[in-house]
């Protein structure tokens, strides 16, 4: 699957139909088909700031979209973490999180090693 970087303009244009870039963003989305979108927390923060003046409904939709993206990103990270041998993680070990966390969550804690940083 192709990886594509999504900037603030893309997220705003998809949400706001009256945005000057809305038609372009929708066209690009359809043209690219199924891709793995990559973005950053800073871009998501800019997206929320840009939508902040668009009204309550737009803010709610934007916040839900960001939460979904962050959740998907964390799930992807946890799958990658689970697929990497713990031998390759010098200084970290995984363990089950306390009951307050999701039942499938892993927590990282410093491992005791001979190397002192």
N, C-alpha and C. Protein backbone atom coordinates (compact mmCIF):
# COMPACT_ATOMS: atom_id res chain seq x y z
N UNK A 1 0.85 -1.18 0.00
CA UNK A 1 0.00 0.00 0.00
C UNK A 1 0.89 1.24 0.00
N UNK A 2 0.53 2.21 -0.78
CA UNK A 2 1.29 3.45 -0.88
C UNK A 2 1.10 4.31 0.37
N UNK A 3 2.16 5.00 0.78
CA UNK A 3 2.10 5.91 1.92
C UNK A 3 2.08 7.34 1.40
N UNK A 4 1.13 8.13 1.92
CA UNK A 4 0.96 9.52 1.49
C UNK A 4 0.91 10.42 2.72
N UNK A 5 1.65 11.52 2.68
CA UNK A 5 1.65 12.48 3.78
C UNK A 5 0.47 13.43 3.62
N UNK A 6 -0.31 13.61 4.70
CA UNK A 6 -1.46 14.51 4.69
C UNK A 6 -1.17 15.73 5.56
N UNK A 7 -1.21 16.90 4.94
CA UNK A 7 -0.94 18.16 5.64
C UNK A 7 -2.25 18.78 6.13
N UNK A 8 -2.13 19.87 6.86
CA UNK A 8 -3.28 20.56 7.45
C UNK A 8 -4.32 20.94 6.40
N UNK A 9 -3.86 21.46 5.28
CA UNK A 9 -4.78 21.89 4.22
C UNK A 9 -5.69 20.73 3.79
N UNK A 10 -5.14 19.54 3.70
CA UNK A 10 -5.92 18.37 3.29
C UNK A 10 -7.03 18.10 4.29
N UNK A 11 -6.69 18.04 5.59
CA UNK A 11 -7.70 17.72 6.61
C UNK A 11 -8.79 18.79 6.67
N UNK A 12 -8.40 20.07 6.59
CA UNK A 12 -9.38 21.15 6.63
C UNK A 12 -10.28 21.08 5.39
N UNK A 13 -9.68 20.88 4.23
CA UNK A 13 -10.46 20.83 2.98
C UNK A 13 -11.46 19.68 2.97
N UNK A 14 -11.09 18.54 3.53
CA UNK A 14 -12.03 17.41 3.56
C UNK A 14 -13.22 17.69 4.46
N UNK A 15 -12.98 18.40 5.56
CA UNK A 15 -14.06 18.66 6.50
C UNK A 15 -14.94 19.83 6.07
N UNK A 16 -14.32 20.86 5.53
CA UNK A 16 -15.05 22.08 5.19
C UNK A 16 -15.35 22.11 3.69
N UNK A 17 -16.58 21.79 3.33
CA UNK A 17 -16.97 21.75 1.93
C UNK A 17 -16.82 23.08 1.20
N UNK A 18 -16.83 24.19 1.94
CA UNK A 18 -16.70 25.50 1.31
C UNK A 18 -15.24 25.98 1.24
N UNK A 19 -14.31 25.16 1.66
CA UNK A 19 -12.89 25.51 1.61
C UNK A 19 -12.45 25.56 0.14
N UNK A 20 -11.57 26.52 -0.21
CA UNK A 20 -11.10 26.61 -1.60
C UNK A 20 -10.44 25.33 -2.11
N UNK A 21 -9.89 24.53 -1.22
CA UNK A 21 -9.20 23.30 -1.60
C UNK A 21 -10.07 22.05 -1.48
N UNK A 22 -11.33 22.21 -1.11
CA UNK A 22 -12.21 21.05 -0.86
C UNK A 22 -12.35 20.14 -2.08
N UNK A 23 -12.63 20.72 -3.22
CA UNK A 23 -12.82 19.91 -4.43
C UNK A 23 -11.53 19.18 -4.79
N UNK A 24 -10.41 19.86 -4.67
CA UNK A 24 -9.11 19.26 -4.99
C UNK A 24 -8.82 18.10 -4.03
N UNK A 25 -9.06 18.31 -2.73
CA UNK A 25 -8.79 17.26 -1.73
C UNK A 25 -9.66 16.03 -1.98
N UNK A 26 -10.93 16.25 -2.31
CA UNK A 26 -11.82 15.12 -2.59
C UNK A 26 -11.38 14.38 -3.85
N UNK A 27 -10.96 15.13 -4.86
CA UNK A 27 -10.49 14.51 -6.10
C UNK A 27 -9.22 13.70 -5.89
N UNK A 28 -8.29 14.25 -5.12
CA UNK A 28 -7.04 13.54 -4.82
C UNK A 28 -7.34 12.27 -4.03
N UNK A 29 -8.25 12.37 -3.08
CA UNK A 29 -8.62 11.20 -2.27
C UNK A 29 -9.17 10.09 -3.16
N UNK A 30 -10.03 10.43 -4.10
CA UNK A 30 -10.61 9.43 -5.00
C UNK A 30 -9.56 8.88 -5.96
N UNK A 31 -8.69 9.74 -6.46
CA UNK A 31 -7.67 9.32 -7.42
C UNK A 31 -6.66 8.37 -6.78
N UNK A 32 -6.25 8.67 -5.56
CA UNK A 32 -5.24 7.85 -4.89
C UNK A 32 -5.78 6.48 -4.50
N UNK A 33 -7.06 6.40 -4.22
CA UNK A 33 -7.63 5.14 -3.78
C UNK A 33 -7.18 4.80 -2.37
N UNK A 34 -6.95 3.52 -2.11
CA UNK A 34 -6.56 3.09 -0.77
C UNK A 34 -5.08 3.35 -0.55
N UNK A 35 -4.79 4.21 0.41
CA UNK A 35 -3.41 4.55 0.77
C UNK A 35 -3.28 4.57 2.28
N UNK A 36 -2.06 4.54 2.74
CA UNK A 36 -1.77 4.69 4.16
C UNK A 36 -1.42 6.16 4.37
N UNK A 37 -2.31 6.91 5.05
CA UNK A 37 -2.06 8.32 5.29
C UNK A 37 -1.17 8.50 6.51
N UNK A 38 -0.20 9.39 6.37
CA UNK A 38 0.71 9.72 7.46
C UNK A 38 0.56 11.20 7.74
N UNK A 39 0.51 11.56 9.01
CA UNK A 39 0.43 12.96 9.41
C UNK A 39 1.17 13.10 10.73
N UNK A 40 1.18 14.28 11.31
CA UNK A 40 1.87 14.49 12.58
C UNK A 40 0.91 15.08 13.61
N UNK A 41 1.30 15.01 14.86
CA UNK A 41 0.49 15.62 15.92
C UNK A 41 0.39 17.12 15.72
N UNK A 42 1.46 17.74 15.24
CA UNK A 42 1.44 19.18 15.00
C UNK A 42 0.41 19.55 13.93
N UNK A 43 0.33 18.74 12.90
CA UNK A 43 -0.65 19.00 11.85
C UNK A 43 -2.07 18.82 12.39
N UNK A 44 -2.27 17.81 13.21
CA UNK A 44 -3.60 17.62 13.79
C UNK A 44 -3.96 18.79 14.71
N UNK A 45 -2.97 19.32 15.40
CA UNK A 45 -3.19 20.49 16.25
C UNK A 45 -3.55 21.71 15.39
N UNK A 46 -2.83 21.89 14.28
CA UNK A 46 -3.14 22.99 13.36
C UNK A 46 -4.55 22.82 12.77
N UNK A 47 -4.91 21.59 12.46
CA UNK A 47 -6.24 21.29 11.93
C UNK A 47 -7.32 21.72 12.91
N UNK A 48 -7.15 21.34 14.18
CA UNK A 48 -8.13 21.72 15.20
C UNK A 48 -8.19 23.24 15.36
N UNK A 49 -7.03 23.89 15.32
CA UNK A 49 -7.00 25.36 15.45
C UNK A 49 -7.70 26.01 14.27
N UNK A 50 -7.49 25.48 13.06
CA UNK A 50 -8.11 26.05 11.87
C UNK A 50 -9.63 25.90 11.91
N UNK A 51 -10.11 24.82 12.50
CA UNK A 51 -11.55 24.56 12.57
C UNK A 51 -12.20 25.27 13.75
N UNK A 52 -11.41 25.79 14.66
CA UNK A 52 -11.95 26.34 15.91
C UNK A 52 -12.97 27.45 15.70
N UNK A 53 -12.90 28.16 14.59
CA UNK A 53 -13.85 29.25 14.33
C UNK A 53 -15.01 28.82 13.43
N UNK A 54 -15.08 27.54 13.11
CA UNK A 54 -16.07 27.08 12.13
C UNK A 54 -17.41 26.69 12.73
N UNK A 55 -17.56 26.79 14.03
CA UNK A 55 -18.82 26.44 14.67
C UNK A 55 -18.74 25.14 15.44
N UNK A 56 -19.71 24.97 16.31
CA UNK A 56 -19.73 23.83 17.23
C UNK A 56 -19.73 22.47 16.53
N UNK A 57 -20.56 22.32 15.51
CA UNK A 57 -20.66 21.04 14.82
C UNK A 57 -19.34 20.68 14.14
N UNK A 58 -18.74 21.65 13.44
CA UNK A 58 -17.45 21.39 12.78
C UNK A 58 -16.38 21.04 13.80
N UNK A 59 -16.35 21.75 14.93
CA UNK A 59 -15.36 21.45 15.98
C UNK A 59 -15.55 20.04 16.51
N UNK A 60 -16.79 19.63 16.70
CA UNK A 60 -17.07 18.28 17.21
C UNK A 60 -16.61 17.22 16.21
N UNK A 61 -16.93 17.42 14.94
CA UNK A 61 -16.52 16.46 13.91
C UNK A 61 -14.99 16.41 13.82
N UNK A 62 -14.35 17.56 13.86
CA UNK A 62 -12.88 17.62 13.79
C UNK A 62 -12.25 16.89 14.97
N UNK A 63 -12.77 17.12 16.16
CA UNK A 63 -12.23 16.46 17.35
C UNK A 63 -12.40 14.95 17.26
N UNK A 64 -13.55 14.50 16.79
CA UNK A 64 -13.79 13.06 16.62
C UNK A 64 -12.83 12.47 15.59
N UNK A 65 -12.61 13.20 14.51
CA UNK A 65 -11.69 12.72 13.46
C UNK A 65 -10.27 12.59 14.01
N UNK A 66 -9.83 13.60 14.77
CA UNK A 66 -8.48 13.56 15.36
C UNK A 66 -8.37 12.39 16.34
N UNK A 67 -9.38 12.20 17.17
CA UNK A 67 -9.35 11.07 18.10
C UNK A 67 -9.27 9.74 17.35
N UNK A 68 -10.02 9.61 16.27
CA UNK A 68 -9.96 8.38 15.46
C UNK A 68 -8.56 8.19 14.87
N UNK A 69 -7.98 9.26 14.35
CA UNK A 69 -6.64 9.17 13.77
C UNK A 69 -5.60 8.79 14.81
N UNK A 70 -5.69 9.41 16.00
CA UNK A 70 -4.74 9.08 17.06
C UNK A 70 -4.91 7.63 17.51
N UNK A 71 -6.16 7.18 17.63
CA UNK A 71 -6.42 5.80 18.02
C UNK A 71 -5.85 4.83 17.00
N UNK A 72 -6.09 5.11 15.69
CA UNK A 72 -5.55 4.26 14.63
C UNK A 72 -4.03 4.23 14.68
N UNK A 73 -3.42 5.39 14.92
CA UNK A 73 -1.97 5.47 15.00
C UNK A 73 -1.42 4.66 16.16
N UNK A 74 -2.08 4.72 17.30
CA UNK A 74 -1.63 3.95 18.46
C UNK A 74 -1.80 2.45 18.23
N UNK A 75 -2.89 2.06 17.59
CA UNK A 75 -3.08 0.65 17.27
C UNK A 75 -1.99 0.15 16.33
N UNK A 76 -1.65 0.95 15.32
CA UNK A 76 -0.58 0.61 14.39
C UNK A 76 0.74 0.46 15.14
N UNK A 77 1.02 1.41 16.01
CA UNK A 77 2.26 1.38 16.80
C UNK A 77 2.32 0.12 17.67
N UNK A 78 1.21 -0.22 18.31
CA UNK A 78 1.19 -1.40 19.18
C UNK A 78 1.38 -2.69 18.38
N UNK A 79 0.81 -2.75 17.18
CA UNK A 79 1.03 -3.93 16.33
C UNK A 79 2.50 -4.04 15.94
N UNK A 80 3.11 -2.90 15.59
CA UNK A 80 4.53 -2.91 15.24
C UNK A 80 5.38 -3.29 16.45
N UNK A 81 5.03 -2.77 17.61
CA UNK A 81 5.77 -3.08 18.83
C UNK A 81 5.70 -4.56 19.13
N UNK A 82 4.52 -5.14 18.97
CA UNK A 82 4.33 -6.56 19.26
C UNK A 82 5.10 -7.44 18.28
N UNK A 83 5.36 -6.93 17.07
CA UNK A 83 6.05 -7.75 16.07
C UNK A 83 7.57 -7.68 16.18
N UNK A 84 8.08 -6.78 17.00
CA UNK A 84 9.54 -6.62 17.16
C UNK A 84 10.01 -7.43 18.36
N UNK A 85 11.04 -8.18 18.16
CA UNK A 85 11.62 -8.97 19.24
C UNK A 85 12.08 -8.05 20.36
N UNK A 86 11.84 -8.46 21.61
CA UNK A 86 12.26 -7.64 22.74
C UNK A 86 13.77 -7.52 22.81
N UNK A 87 14.50 -8.42 22.15
CA UNK A 87 15.97 -8.31 22.12
C UNK A 87 16.41 -7.04 21.40
N UNK A 88 15.58 -6.57 20.50
CA UNK A 88 15.93 -5.36 19.74
C UNK A 88 15.58 -4.08 20.49
N UNK A 89 14.94 -4.19 21.63
CA UNK A 89 14.55 -3.02 22.42
C UNK A 89 15.45 -2.89 23.63
N UNK A 90 16.67 -2.45 23.44
CA UNK A 90 17.60 -2.28 24.55
C UNK A 90 17.05 -1.21 25.49
N UNK A 91 16.97 -1.55 26.75
CA UNK A 91 16.54 -0.57 27.75
C UNK A 91 15.06 -0.52 28.03
N UNK A 92 14.25 -1.27 27.25
CA UNK A 92 12.80 -1.25 27.50
C UNK A 92 12.28 -2.68 27.58
N UNK A 93 11.30 -2.88 28.43
CA UNK A 93 10.60 -4.16 28.47
C UNK A 93 9.12 -3.87 28.42
N UNK A 94 8.35 -4.81 27.93
CA UNK A 94 6.90 -4.63 27.90
C UNK A 94 6.27 -5.46 29.01
N UNK A 95 5.18 -4.95 29.54
CA UNK A 95 4.44 -5.64 30.59
C UNK A 95 2.99 -5.23 30.46
N UNK A 96 2.12 -5.94 31.11
CA UNK A 96 0.71 -5.55 31.11
C UNK A 96 0.54 -4.28 31.93
N UNK A 97 -0.31 -3.40 31.43
CA UNK A 97 -0.58 -2.16 32.15
C UNK A 97 -1.50 -2.46 33.34
N UNK A 98 -1.56 -1.54 34.29
CA UNK A 98 -2.50 -1.71 35.41
C UNK A 98 -3.94 -1.78 34.90
N UNK A 99 -4.83 -2.21 35.76
CA UNK A 99 -6.24 -2.42 35.38
C UNK A 99 -6.89 -1.20 34.76
N UNK A 100 -6.43 -0.01 35.08
CA UNK A 100 -7.09 1.19 34.56
C UNK A 100 -6.90 1.37 33.06
N UNK A 101 -5.94 0.66 32.47
CA UNK A 101 -5.69 0.76 31.04
C UNK A 101 -6.53 -0.27 30.29
N UNK A 102 -6.54 -0.12 28.98
CA UNK A 102 -7.26 -1.08 28.15
C UNK A 102 -6.67 -2.47 28.35
N UNK A 103 -7.48 -3.52 28.32
CA UNK A 103 -7.00 -4.87 28.61
C UNK A 103 -5.90 -5.35 27.66
N UNK A 104 -5.86 -4.82 26.43
CA UNK A 104 -4.84 -5.28 25.49
C UNK A 104 -3.62 -4.37 25.47
N UNK A 105 -3.61 -3.34 26.28
CA UNK A 105 -2.52 -2.36 26.24
C UNK A 105 -1.25 -2.93 26.85
N UNK A 106 -0.14 -2.49 26.32
CA UNK A 106 1.16 -2.81 26.88
C UNK A 106 1.78 -1.52 27.39
N UNK A 107 2.51 -1.60 28.48
CA UNK A 107 3.23 -0.45 28.99
C UNK A 107 4.71 -0.72 28.82
N UNK A 108 5.47 0.32 28.61
CA UNK A 108 6.91 0.18 28.52
C UNK A 108 7.53 0.69 29.80
N UNK A 109 8.50 -0.05 30.32
CA UNK A 109 9.19 0.41 31.51
C UNK A 109 10.68 0.18 31.31
N UNK A 110 11.51 0.98 31.95
CA UNK A 110 12.96 0.81 31.79
C UNK A 110 13.39 -0.57 32.26
N UNK A 111 14.29 -1.16 31.50
CA UNK A 111 14.85 -2.46 31.88
C UNK A 111 16.14 -2.22 32.64
N UNK A 112 16.45 -3.13 33.52
CA UNK A 112 17.71 -3.05 34.24
C UNK A 112 18.79 -3.62 33.32
N UNK A 113 19.79 -2.81 33.04
CA UNK A 113 20.87 -3.26 32.17
C UNK A 113 22.21 -2.92 32.81
N UNK A 114 23.26 -3.45 32.22
CA UNK A 114 24.62 -3.13 32.67
C UNK A 114 25.07 -1.79 32.15
N UNK A 115 24.37 -1.28 31.13
CA UNK A 115 24.78 -0.02 30.51
C UNK A 115 24.10 1.14 31.25
N UNK A 116 24.88 2.07 31.71
CA UNK A 116 24.34 3.25 32.37
C UNK A 116 24.47 4.44 31.43
N UNK A 117 23.37 5.14 31.20
CA UNK A 117 23.38 6.29 30.29
C UNK A 117 23.54 7.56 31.07
